[in-house]
Amino acid sequence: MDVLFEIKRLALFGRVEFTEKALLELEEDGLLESEVIESLVNAQRIDKVIRSRSRSRRSSHEKLYVIKSISYDGTYIYTKGTIVHYAEGDVFYVLVSSKIATIGD
């Protein structure tokens, strides 16, 4: 299955979890979790795929997906996350999410 399609599906079905760091970033930028989910659903592509270098990650081969997209109200949002596989189903785990500064902000 195409990874972007899988991430969009997880977002549509409410299978998105946020780290504490991501939640703090949302609060600092005045964003809602729903706006991040909207931007994931609206995404046209994955901008970058990188391997996690964090020692706390589940696997040294864990892929992190960087997505830059807009919410329904036009807010441009940067999101970095990974797909986590649990016995009860997959989840898109948001590690970083913030508003992307634009001219005039």
Protein backbone atom coordinates (compact mmCIF):
# COMPACT_ATOMS: atom_id res chain seq x y z
CA MET A 1 0.00 0.00 0.00
CA ASP A 2 1.21 3.51 -0.78
CA VAL A 3 2.54 5.12 2.43
CA LEU A 4 0.80 8.48 1.91
CA PHE A 5 -2.47 6.68 1.28
CA GLU A 6 -1.97 4.70 4.50
CA ILE A 7 -1.24 7.87 6.51
CA LYS A 8 -4.34 9.58 5.09
CA ARG A 9 -6.46 6.55 5.98
CA LEU A 10 -5.13 6.49 9.53
CA ALA A 11 -5.89 10.22 9.85
CA LEU A 12 -9.44 9.80 8.51
CA PHE A 13 -10.16 6.97 10.93
CA GLY A 14 -8.79 8.85 13.96
CA ARG A 15 -5.73 6.62 14.26
CA VAL A 16 -3.33 9.51 15.03
CA GLU A 17 -1.43 9.99 18.29
CA PHE A 18 0.68 12.99 19.31
CA THR A 19 3.83 13.06 21.45
CA GLU A 20 3.94 15.51 24.35
CA LYS A 21 6.48 17.53 22.34
CA ALA A 22 4.13 17.73 19.36
CA LEU A 23 1.25 18.83 21.63
CA LEU A 24 3.43 21.60 23.10
CA GLU A 25 4.37 22.76 19.60
CA LEU A 26 0.71 22.85 18.61
CA GLU A 27 -0.10 24.97 21.64
CA GLU A 28 2.79 27.36 20.94
CA ASP A 29 1.61 27.84 17.35
CA GLY A 30 -2.07 28.10 18.23
CA LEU A 31 -2.92 24.97 16.24
CA LEU A 32 -5.46 22.26 16.96
CA GLU A 33 -4.95 18.52 16.54
CA SER A 34 -7.81 18.60 14.04
CA GLU A 35 -5.87 21.07 11.85
CA VAL A 36 -2.92 18.66 11.70
CA ILE A 37 -5.26 15.84 10.74
CA GLU A 38 -6.80 18.05 8.03
CA SER A 39 -3.34 18.79 6.66
CA LEU A 40 -2.50 15.07 6.58
CA VAL A 41 -5.71 14.32 4.67
CA ASN A 42 -4.98 17.20 2.25
CA ALA A 43 -1.34 16.18 1.65
CA GLN A 44 -0.31 15.72 -1.96
CA ARG A 45 3.00 14.03 -1.21
CA ILE A 46 5.51 13.05 1.43
CA ASP A 47 8.26 15.67 1.28
CA LYS A 48 11.00 13.56 2.81
CA VAL A 49 11.59 10.12 4.32
CA ILE A 50 14.37 9.85 6.89
CA ARG A 51 15.61 7.12 9.19
CA SER A 52 15.27 7.78 12.89
CA ARG A 53 18.57 8.24 14.69
CA SER A 54 17.04 8.39 18.15
CA ARG A 55 18.18 5.61 20.48
CA SER A 56 14.72 5.57 22.06
CA ARG A 57 13.03 4.45 18.84
CA ARG A 58 11.58 0.97 18.52
CA SER A 59 13.80 0.07 15.59
CA SER A 60 16.95 1.49 14.07
CA HIS A 61 15.18 1.17 10.72
CA GLU A 62 12.16 3.24 11.73
CA LYS A 63 11.18 5.63 8.94
CA LEU A 64 10.05 9.15 9.70
CA TYR A 65 7.79 10.88 7.19
CA VAL A 66 7.89 14.65 6.70
CA ILE A 67 4.69 16.14 5.30
CA LYS A 68 4.06 19.81 4.50
CA SER A 69 0.45 20.54 3.71
CA ILE A 70 -2.44 22.89 4.42
CA SER A 71 -5.41 22.61 6.74
CA TYR A 72 -8.93 23.38 5.50
CA ASP A 73 -8.54 27.03 6.56
CA GLY A 74 -5.29 27.39 4.60
CA THR A 75 -2.77 27.09 7.43
CA TYR A 76 0.47 25.58 6.13
CA ILE A 77 1.61 22.86 8.57
CA TYR A 78 4.84 20.86 8.91
CA THR A 79 4.37 17.38 10.38
CA LYS A 80 6.92 14.65 11.06
CA GLY A 81 5.75 11.24 12.17
CA THR A 82 5.97 7.50 11.82
CA ILE A 83 3.60 4.59 11.41
CA VAL A 84 3.55 2.40 14.49
CA HIS A 85 2.24 -1.15 14.23
CA TYR A 86 0.25 -2.37 17.24
CA ALA A 87 -1.62 -5.65 17.61
CA GLU A 88 -4.92 -3.71 17.65
CA GLY A 89 -4.01 -1.75 14.50
CA ASP A 90 -1.64 0.80 13.03
CA VAL A 91 -1.34 4.39 14.22
CA PHE A 92 0.35 7.45 12.70
CA TYR A 93 2.43 8.80 15.56
CA VAL A 94 3.08 12.55 15.25
CA LEU A 95 6.48 13.49 16.66
CA VAL A 96 6.67 17.11 15.49
CA SER A 97 4.00 19.42 14.14
CA SER A 98 4.09 23.16 13.73
CA LYS A 99 2.85 26.03 11.64
CA ILE A 100 5.15 26.93 8.77
CA ALA A 101 5.95 30.63 8.78
CA THR A 102 4.80 32.46 5.69
CA ILE A 103 5.34 36.02 4.50
CA GLY A 104 3.21 38.29 6.64
CA ASP A 105 3.14 36.05 9.73
